[in-house]
């Protein structure tokens, strides 16, 4: 699949399997209808034939119909999901987006992974609000179901609310575990 993507336009969709996928893992288990699409920006073929890849997320898509079912992986038609903004457009989200970026930076700092370059690459100036949200969520939210819920939200304001809540939960969790660690050391 990776070799075929590299021979084409270098893009790959990443989709989450639906619950119950274990029964048909080597077949065609059910998947969610919304996926992320990214361009392979780094690719390393390993000695055993597998690949390590890095994707640059580019868009969210709704999967439509599967084509080429003879392949050992899925190829589908997909439709790009448009971003829906509140009245006032992206500018109406600016302050809330700054707060999300700050929460992301604080989380990385608390985890000992704070690095201005990393934060900058994930939240690059000029990126759309939706892209910033998606990059932060994919980088730090460990719960796949939460990431999927955020990915599926078409309304960018709603996606921002979900992402802000997810980061607040993570900050509370890691801050609580730090307090427990400090209490154990005392």
C-alpha atoms as a PDB file:
ATOM      1  CA  UNK A   1       0.000   0.000   0.000  1.00  0.00           C
ATOM      2  CA  UNK A   2       2.761   2.462   0.925  1.00  0.00           C
ATOM      3  CA  UNK A   3       4.703   1.613  -2.227  1.00  0.00           C
ATOM      4  CA  UNK A   4       1.566   2.199  -4.316  1.00  0.00           C
ATOM      5  CA  UNK A   5       0.918   5.536  -2.575  1.00  0.00           C
ATOM      6  CA  UNK A   6       4.510   6.624  -3.180  1.00  0.00           C
ATOM      7  CA  UNK A   7       4.185   5.673  -6.844  1.00  0.00           C
ATOM      8  CA  UNK A   8       1.072   7.872  -7.011  1.00  0.00           C
ATOM      9  CA  UNK A   9       0.571  11.272  -5.403  1.00  0.00           C
ATOM     10  CA  UNK A  10       2.017  10.256  -2.024  1.00  0.00           C
ATOM     11  CA  UNK A  11      -1.267  10.730  -0.153  1.00  0.00           C
ATOM     12  CA  UNK A  12      -2.788   8.247   2.238  1.00  0.00           C
ATOM     13  CA  UNK A  13      -6.066   8.215   4.158  1.00  0.00           C
ATOM     14  CA  UNK A  14      -6.042   7.054   7.753  1.00  0.00           C
ATOM     15  CA  UNK A  15      -9.346   5.707   9.001  1.00  0.00           C
ATOM     16  CA  UNK A  16     -10.358   4.244  12.341  1.00  0.00           C
ATOM     17  CA  UNK A  17     -11.829   0.763  12.511  1.00  0.00           C
ATOM     18  CA  UNK A  18     -15.289   0.489  14.073  1.00  0.00           C
ATOM     19  CA  UNK A  19     -15.839  -1.505  17.279  1.00  0.00           C
ATOM     20  CA  UNK A  20     -15.956  -5.227  16.582  1.00  0.00           C
ATOM     21  CA  UNK A  21     -13.196  -5.012  13.971  1.00  0.00           C
ATOM     22  CA  UNK A  22     -11.368  -7.914  15.647  1.00  0.00           C
ATOM     23  CA  UNK A  23     -13.807 -10.453  14.136  1.00  0.00           C
ATOM     24  CA  UNK A  24     -12.741  -9.533  10.588  1.00  0.00           C
ATOM     25  CA  UNK A  25      -9.315  -7.925  11.016  1.00  0.00           C
ATOM     26  CA  UNK A  26      -7.737  -9.720   8.054  1.00  0.00           C
ATOM     27  CA  UNK A  27     -10.791  -9.175   5.864  1.00  0.00           C
ATOM     28  CA  UNK A  28     -12.669  -5.925   5.419  1.00  0.00           C
ATOM     29  CA  UNK A  29     -13.707  -4.848   8.933  1.00  0.00           C
ATOM     30  CA  UNK A  30     -16.124  -1.927   9.203  1.00  0.00           C
ATOM     31  CA  UNK A  31     -14.560   1.540   9.345  1.00  0.00           C
ATOM     32  CA  UNK A  32     -15.752   5.005  10.301  1.00  0.00           C
ATOM     33  CA  UNK A  33     -17.035   7.161   7.458  1.00  0.00           C
ATOM     34  CA  UNK A  34     -14.696  10.100   8.178  1.00  0.00           C
ATOM     35  CA  UNK A  35     -10.934   9.847   7.736  1.00  0.00           C
ATOM     36  CA  UNK A  36      -7.903  12.082   7.656  1.00  0.00           C
ATOM     37  CA  UNK A  37      -5.779  12.371   4.523  1.00  0.00           C
ATOM     38  CA  UNK A  38      -2.125  13.231   4.610  1.00  0.00           C
ATOM     39  CA  UNK A  39       0.849  13.476   2.316  1.00  0.00           C
ATOM     40  CA  UNK A  40       3.823  11.240   3.065  1.00  0.00           C
ATOM     41  CA  UNK A  41       6.633  13.662   3.838  1.00  0.00           C
ATOM     42  CA  UNK A  42       9.065  11.070   5.194  1.00  0.00           C
ATOM     43  CA  UNK A  43       9.281   7.427   4.303  1.00  0.00           C
ATOM     44  CA  UNK A  44      11.796   4.805   5.365  1.00  0.00           C
ATOM     45  CA  UNK A  45      11.596   1.241   4.099  1.00  0.00           C
ATOM     46  CA  UNK A  46      12.658  -1.260   6.744  1.00  0.00           C
ATOM     47  CA  UNK A  47      14.625  -4.446   6.117  1.00  0.00           C
ATOM     48  CA  UNK A  48      11.510  -6.592   6.640  1.00  0.00           C
ATOM     49  CA  UNK A  49       9.573  -4.702   3.909  1.00  0.00           C
ATOM     50  CA  UNK A  50       7.489  -2.563   6.255  1.00  0.00           C
ATOM     51  CA  UNK A  51       7.721   1.233   6.274  1.00  0.00           C
ATOM     52  CA  UNK A  52       8.046   4.012   8.802  1.00  0.00           C
ATOM     53  CA  UNK A  53       6.176   7.001   7.440  1.00  0.00           C
ATOM     54  CA  UNK A  54       5.367  10.533   8.533  1.00  0.00           C
ATOM     55  CA  UNK A  55       2.171  12.078   7.194  1.00  0.00           C
ATOM     56  CA  UNK A  56       1.424  15.772   6.929  1.00  0.00           C
ATOM     57  CA  UNK A  57      -2.324  15.975   7.529  1.00  0.00           C
ATOM     58  CA  UNK A  58      -4.027  17.875   4.720  1.00  0.00           C
ATOM     59  CA  UNK A  59      -7.769  17.332   4.896  1.00  0.00           C
ATOM     60  CA  UNK A  60     -10.674  15.449   6.350  1.00  0.00           C
ATOM     61  CA  UNK A  61     -12.766  13.324   4.019  1.00  0.00           C
ATOM     62  CA  UNK A  62     -16.009  11.376   4.044  1.00  0.00           C
ATOM     63  CA  UNK A  63     -15.461   7.945   2.545  1.00  0.00           C
ATOM     64  CA  UNK A  64     -17.956   7.035  -0.116  1.00  0.00           C
ATOM     65  CA  UNK A  65     -17.673   3.807  -2.056  1.00  0.00           C
ATOM     66  CA  UNK A  66     -14.849   1.316  -2.143  1.00  0.00           C
ATOM     67  CA  UNK A  67     -13.146   0.693  -5.468  1.00  0.00           C
ATOM     68  CA  UNK A  68     -10.573  -1.958  -6.331  1.00  0.00           C
ATOM     69  CA  UNK A  69     -11.761  -4.580  -3.777  1.00  0.00           C
ATOM     70  CA  UNK A  70      -9.219  -7.035  -5.196  1.00  0.00           C
ATOM     71  CA  UNK A  71      -6.386  -5.165  -3.464  1.00  0.00           C
ATOM     72  CA  UNK A  72      -5.230  -6.254   0.011  1.00  0.00           C
ATOM     73  CA  UNK A  73      -5.943  -2.722   1.271  1.00  0.00           C
ATOM     74  CA  UNK A  74      -8.808  -0.337   0.690  1.00  0.00           C
ATOM     75  CA  UNK A  75      -9.097   2.247  -2.044  1.00  0.00           C
ATOM     76  CA  UNK A  76     -12.178   4.440  -1.820  1.00  0.00           C
ATOM     77  CA  UNK A  77     -13.732   7.446  -3.404  1.00  0.00           C
ATOM     78  CA  UNK A  78     -13.897  10.234  -0.883  1.00  0.00           C
ATOM     79  CA  UNK A  79     -15.347  13.705  -0.633  1.00  0.00           C
ATOM     80  CA  UNK A  80     -13.468  16.489   1.117  1.00  0.00           C
ATOM     81  CA  UNK A  81     -15.301  17.811   4.173  1.00  0.00           C
ATOM     82  CA  UNK A  82     -15.776  21.553   4.143  1.00  0.00           C
ATOM     83  CA  UNK A  83     -15.093  23.570   7.280  1.00  0.00           C
ATOM     84  CA  UNK A  84     -18.132  25.324   8.754  1.00  0.00           C
ATOM     85  CA  UNK A  85     -17.290  28.501  10.677  1.00  0.00           C
ATOM     86  CA  UNK A  86     -19.380  30.591  13.045  1.00  0.00           C
ATOM     87  CA  UNK A  87     -20.558  34.039  12.058  1.00  0.00           C
ATOM     88  CA  UNK A  88     -17.429  36.178  11.724  1.00  0.00           C
ATOM     89  CA  UNK A  89     -15.453  33.351  10.104  1.00  0.00           C
ATOM     90  CA  UNK A  90     -12.074  32.120  11.355  1.00  0.00           C
ATOM     91  CA  UNK A  91     -11.385  35.465  13.065  1.00  0.00           C
ATOM     92  CA  UNK A  92     -14.235  34.735  15.494  1.00  0.00           C
ATOM     93  CA  UNK A  93     -12.234  31.765  16.797  1.00  0.00           C
ATOM     94  CA  UNK A  94      -8.872  33.532  17.194  1.00  0.00           C
ATOM     95  CA  UNK A  95      -8.896  33.960  20.977  1.00  0.00           C
ATOM     96  CA  UNK A  96     -10.155  30.438  21.644  1.00  0.00           C
ATOM     97  CA  UNK A  97      -7.556  29.073  19.237  1.00  0.00           C
ATOM     98  CA  UNK A  98      -4.793  30.951  21.101  1.00  0.00           C
ATOM     99  CA  UNK A  99      -6.054  29.351  24.320  1.00  0.00           C
ATOM    100  CA  UNK A 100      -5.903  25.890  22.708  1.00  0.00           C
ATOM    101  CA  UNK A 101      -2.335  26.544  21.528  1.00  0.00           C
ATOM    102  CA  UNK A 102      -1.393  27.680  25.047  1.00  0.00           C
ATOM    103  CA  UNK A 103      -2.974  24.567  26.604  1.00  0.00           C
ATOM    104  CA  UNK A 104      -1.078  22.416  24.109  1.00  0.00           C
ATOM    105  CA  UNK A 105       2.230  24.120  24.951  1.00  0.00           C
ATOM    106  CA  UNK A 106       1.520  23.764  28.696  1.00  0.00           C
ATOM    107  CA  UNK A 107       0.687  20.072  28.291  1.00  0.00           C
ATOM    108  CA  UNK A 108       3.918  19.419  26.417  1.00  0.00           C
ATOM    109  CA  UNK A 109       5.835  21.354  29.079  1.00  0.00           C
ATOM    110  CA  UNK A 110       4.231  19.383  31.920  1.00  0.00           C
ATOM    111  CA  UNK A 111       5.084  16.159  30.098  1.00  0.00           C
ATOM    112  CA  UNK A 112       8.682  17.298  29.650  1.00  0.00           C
ATOM    113  CA  UNK A 113       8.261  17.466  25.897  1.00  0.00           C
ATOM    114  CA  UNK A 114       7.864  21.213  25.600  1.00  0.00           C
ATOM    115  CA  UNK A 115       9.863  22.467  22.687  1.00  0.00           C
ATOM    116  CA  UNK A 116       9.043  25.678  20.851  1.00  0.00           C
ATOM    117  CA  UNK A 117       9.949  24.155  17.486  1.00  0.00           C
ATOM    118  CA  UNK A 118       7.550  21.231  17.983  1.00  0.00           C
ATOM    119  CA  UNK A 119       4.719  23.509  19.067  1.00  0.00           C
ATOM    120  CA  UNK A 120       5.436  25.815  16.121  1.00  0.00           C
ATOM    121  CA  UNK A 121       5.402  23.002  13.570  1.00  0.00           C
ATOM    122  CA  UNK A 122       2.079  21.688  14.818  1.00  0.00           C
ATOM    123  CA  UNK A 123       0.405  25.072  15.048  1.00  0.00           C
ATOM    124  CA  UNK A 124       2.164  26.946  12.265  1.00  0.00           C
ATOM    125  CA  UNK A 125       0.988  30.512  11.710  1.00  0.00           C
ATOM    126  CA  UNK A 126      -1.209  30.768   8.657  1.00  0.00           C
ATOM    127  CA  UNK A 127      -2.660  27.270   9.106  1.00  0.00           C
ATOM    128  CA  UNK A 128      -6.442  27.156   9.109  1.00  0.00           C
ATOM    129  CA  UNK A 129      -8.091  26.879  12.529  1.00  0.00           C
ATOM    130  CA  UNK A 130      -9.307  23.395  11.627  1.00  0.00           C
ATOM    131  CA  UNK A 131      -5.791  22.274  10.678  1.00  0.00           C
ATOM    132  CA  UNK A 132      -4.357  23.600  13.955  1.00  0.00           C
ATOM    133  CA  UNK A 133      -7.041  21.774  15.942  1.00  0.00           C
ATOM    134  CA  UNK A 134      -6.513  18.538  14.025  1.00  0.00           C
ATOM    135  CA  UNK A 135      -2.718  18.639  14.359  1.00  0.00           C
ATOM    136  CA  UNK A 136      -2.800  19.284  18.094  1.00  0.00           C
ATOM    137  CA  UNK A 137      -5.418  16.604  18.714  1.00  0.00           C
ATOM    138  CA  UNK A 138      -3.624  13.983  16.622  1.00  0.00           C
ATOM    139  CA  UNK A 139      -0.339  14.723  18.410  1.00  0.00           C
ATOM    140  CA  UNK A 140      -1.469  14.630  22.039  1.00  0.00           C
ATOM    141  CA  UNK A 141      -4.928  13.097  22.552  1.00  0.00           C
ATOM    142  CA  UNK A 142      -4.401   9.397  23.270  1.00  0.00           C
ATOM    143  CA  UNK A 143      -8.055   8.289  23.163  1.00  0.00           C
ATOM    144  CA  UNK A 144      -8.857   7.204  19.605  1.00  0.00           C
ATOM    145  CA  UNK A 145     -12.618   7.572  20.132  1.00  0.00           C
ATOM    146  CA  UNK A 146     -12.158  11.193  21.254  1.00  0.00           C
ATOM    147  CA  UNK A 147      -9.900  11.910  18.264  1.00  0.00           C
ATOM    148  CA  UNK A 148     -12.523  10.398  15.943  1.00  0.00           C
ATOM    149  CA  UNK A 149     -15.325  12.472  17.490  1.00  0.00           C
ATOM    150  CA  UNK A 150     -13.281  15.634  16.946  1.00  0.00           C
ATOM    151  CA  UNK A 151     -12.349  14.629  13.395  1.00  0.00           C
ATOM    152  CA  UNK A 152     -16.004  14.076  12.493  1.00  0.00           C
ATOM    153  CA  UNK A 153     -17.207  17.477  13.740  1.00  0.00           C
ATOM    154  CA  UNK A 154     -17.744  19.648  10.655  1.00  0.00           C
ATOM    155  CA  UNK A 155     -18.394  22.829  12.655  1.00  0.00           C
ATOM    156  CA  UNK A 156     -14.945  24.224  13.514  1.00  0.00           C
ATOM    157  CA  UNK A 157     -16.251  25.946  16.647  1.00  0.00           C
ATOM    158  CA  UNK A 158     -17.617  22.628  17.898  1.00  0.00           C
ATOM    159  CA  UNK A 159     -14.321  20.906  17.032  1.00  0.00           C
ATOM    160  CA  UNK A 160     -12.487  23.593  18.978  1.00  0.00           C
ATOM    161  CA  UNK A 161     -14.780  23.013  21.993  1.00  0.00           C
ATOM    162  CA  UNK A 162     -14.146  19.255  21.872  1.00  0.00           C
ATOM    163  CA  UNK A 163     -10.381  19.756  21.517  1.00  0.00           C
ATOM    164  CA  UNK A 164     -10.240  22.294  24.349  1.00  0.00           C
ATOM    165  CA  UNK A 165     -12.124  19.911  26.647  1.00  0.00           C
ATOM    166  CA  UNK A 166      -9.848  16.999  25.691  1.00  0.00           C
ATOM    167  CA  UNK A 167      -6.711  19.024  26.459  1.00  0.00           C
ATOM    168  CA  UNK A 168      -8.201  20.279  29.748  1.00  0.00           C
ATOM    169  CA  UNK A 169      -8.880  16.656  30.735  1.00  0.00           C
ATOM    170  CA  UNK A 170      -5.310  15.660  29.841  1.00  0.00           C
ATOM    171  CA  UNK A 171      -3.844  18.603  31.752  1.00  0.00           C
ATOM    172  CA  UNK A 172      -5.945  17.733  34.809  1.00  0.00           C
ATOM    173  CA  UNK A 173      -4.857  14.109  34.567  1.00  0.00           C
ATOM    174  CA  UNK A 174      -1.126  14.803  34.244  1.00  0.00           C
ATOM    175  CA  UNK A 175      -1.235  17.617  36.802  1.00  0.00           C
ATOM    176  CA  UNK A 176      -3.000  15.270  39.222  1.00  0.00           C
ATOM    177  CA  UNK A 177      -0.420  12.542  38.688  1.00  0.00           C
ATOM    178  CA  UNK A 178       2.375  15.071  39.213  1.00  0.00           C
ATOM    179  CA  UNK A 179       0.807  16.145  42.508  1.00  0.00           C
ATOM    180  CA  UNK A 180       0.553  12.487  43.550  1.00  0.00           C
ATOM    181  CA  UNK A 181       4.226  11.952  42.612  1.00  0.00           C
ATOM    182  CA  UNK A 182       5.272  14.998  44.644  1.00  0.00           C
ATOM    183  CA  UNK A 183       3.183  13.792  47.611  1.00  0.00           C
ATOM    184  CA  UNK A 184       4.855  10.377  47.449  1.00  0.00           C
ATOM    185  CA  UNK A 185       8.296  12.003  47.499  1.00  0.00           C
ATOM    186  CA  UNK A 186       7.538  14.171  50.528  1.00  0.00           C
END
